[in-house]
Amino acid sequence: MKSPRLVGATFLFMMPDWGESLREKLDQHYTWPALYTFKFIVPKGKESEVKNLFPMHESSERQSKNGNYTSITFQMMMPGSEAVINVYKQAYLIKGIIAL
């Protein structure tokens, strides 16, 4: 079992049912389409990989105290929970990423 990742106050385990659990929580809290905030923490040098997930959106960034990590935040209109989950699936392919 992989270690948990925090996404919107929900611990996700990369197990077969994590997507369904997240989908239920998203659908309970959002009326789609909705403006959704993605926030990621990435190791230094991985910023462009995250930005490539959102090529037409501006981001806000903040460096960690020691400069080893960058917090990157995007807001975008999402059509539904499945689209949000697909972004997280792509993000998890980036080594060392943490989703908040």
Protein backbone atom coordinates (compact mmCIF):
# COMPACT_ATOMS: atom_id res chain seq x y z
CA MET A 1 0.00 0.00 0.00
CA LYS A 2 1.32 3.45 -0.92
CA SER A 3 1.42 6.30 1.54
CA PRO A 4 -1.61 8.58 1.82
CA ARG A 5 -1.91 11.87 -0.03
CA LEU A 6 -4.01 14.73 1.25
CA VAL A 7 -6.51 16.11 -1.25
CA GLY A 8 -9.14 18.52 -0.06
CA ALA A 9 -8.99 17.12 3.50
CA THR A 10 -9.42 13.57 2.21
CA PHE A 11 -6.64 11.04 2.57
CA LEU A 12 -6.32 9.18 -0.67
CA PHE A 13 -4.68 5.82 -0.98
CA MET A 14 -3.72 4.82 -4.46
CA MET A 15 -6.07 1.87 -4.31
CA PRO A 16 -8.78 0.94 -6.81
CA ASP A 17 -11.59 2.71 -4.93
CA TRP A 18 -9.86 6.04 -4.15
CA GLY A 19 -11.43 7.70 -7.19
CA GLU A 20 -14.94 6.68 -6.24
CA SER A 21 -14.47 7.95 -2.69
CA LEU A 22 -13.20 11.30 -3.96
CA ARG A 23 -15.98 11.50 -6.55
CA GLU A 24 -18.61 11.08 -3.83
CA LYS A 25 -17.04 13.80 -1.68
CA LEU A 26 -16.66 16.21 -4.59
CA ASP A 27 -20.26 15.67 -5.70
CA GLN A 28 -21.48 16.31 -2.14
CA HIS A 29 -19.65 19.65 -1.89
CA TYR A 30 -19.84 21.06 -5.43
CA THR A 31 -22.55 21.86 -7.92
CA TRP A 32 -21.03 21.28 -11.35
CA PRO A 33 -19.73 23.06 -13.29
CA ALA A 34 -17.74 24.79 -10.55
CA LEU A 35 -14.57 26.74 -9.94
CA TYR A 36 -12.14 24.26 -8.39
CA THR A 37 -8.80 25.03 -6.74
CA PHE A 38 -5.90 22.66 -7.30
CA LYS A 39 -2.92 23.06 -4.99
CA PHE A 40 0.24 21.03 -5.32
CA ILE A 41 3.56 20.96 -3.54
CA VAL A 42 6.39 19.84 -5.78
CA PRO A 43 10.13 19.39 -5.37
CA LYS A 44 12.33 22.09 -6.85
CA GLY A 45 12.70 21.57 -10.60
CA LYS A 46 9.28 19.91 -11.08
CA GLU A 47 7.29 23.14 -11.41
CA SER A 48 7.09 23.00 -15.20
CA GLU A 49 5.66 19.46 -15.10
CA VAL A 50 2.77 20.68 -12.96
CA LYS A 51 2.24 23.78 -15.08
CA ASN A 52 2.01 21.55 -18.16
CA LEU A 53 -1.17 20.05 -16.64
CA PHE A 54 -2.75 23.52 -16.89
CA PRO A 55 -1.24 25.04 -20.05
CA MET A 56 -3.82 27.82 -20.44
CA HIS A 57 -4.15 28.83 -16.79
CA GLU A 58 -2.15 31.15 -14.60
CA SER A 59 -0.73 29.87 -11.36
CA SER A 60 0.33 31.37 -8.08
CA GLU A 61 3.55 30.04 -6.64
CA ARG A 62 5.31 30.15 -3.33
CA GLN A 63 8.73 28.78 -2.52
CA SER A 64 9.38 26.88 0.71
CA LYS A 65 11.61 28.49 3.31
CA ASN A 66 14.68 26.58 2.16
CA GLY A 67 13.73 26.64 -1.52
CA ASN A 68 13.46 22.86 -1.82
CA TYR A 69 9.74 22.87 -2.66
CA THR A 70 7.25 25.05 -4.48
CA SER A 71 3.56 25.37 -3.75
CA ILE A 72 1.60 25.88 -6.97
CA THR A 73 -2.08 26.81 -7.02
CA PHE A 74 -4.46 26.84 -10.00
CA GLN A 75 -8.13 27.71 -10.17
CA MET A 76 -10.18 26.52 -13.08
CA MET A 77 -13.75 25.88 -14.04
CA MET A 78 -14.32 22.13 -13.99
CA PRO A 79 -17.30 20.42 -15.65
CA GLY A 80 -17.59 17.66 -13.05
CA SER A 81 -15.92 15.42 -10.51
CA GLU A 82 -14.59 13.05 -13.19
CA ALA A 83 -12.57 15.89 -14.74
CA VAL A 84 -11.09 16.75 -11.32
CA ILE A 85 -10.15 13.12 -10.72
CA ASN A 86 -8.49 12.94 -14.15
CA VAL A 87 -6.28 15.92 -13.27
CA TYR A 88 -5.22 14.22 -10.04
CA LYS A 89 -4.46 11.00 -11.93
CA GLN A 90 -2.15 12.92 -14.27
CA ALA A 91 -0.57 14.81 -11.37
CA TYR A 92 0.28 11.61 -9.51
CA LEU A 93 2.61 10.68 -12.36
CA ILE A 94 4.93 13.51 -11.29
CA LYS A 95 7.50 12.13 -8.90
CA GLY A 96 7.40 13.68 -5.44
CA ILE A 97 4.16 15.63 -5.89
CA ILE A 98 1.81 16.22 -2.99
CA ALA A 99 -1.76 17.33 -3.66
CA LEU A 100 -3.55 19.45 -1.08
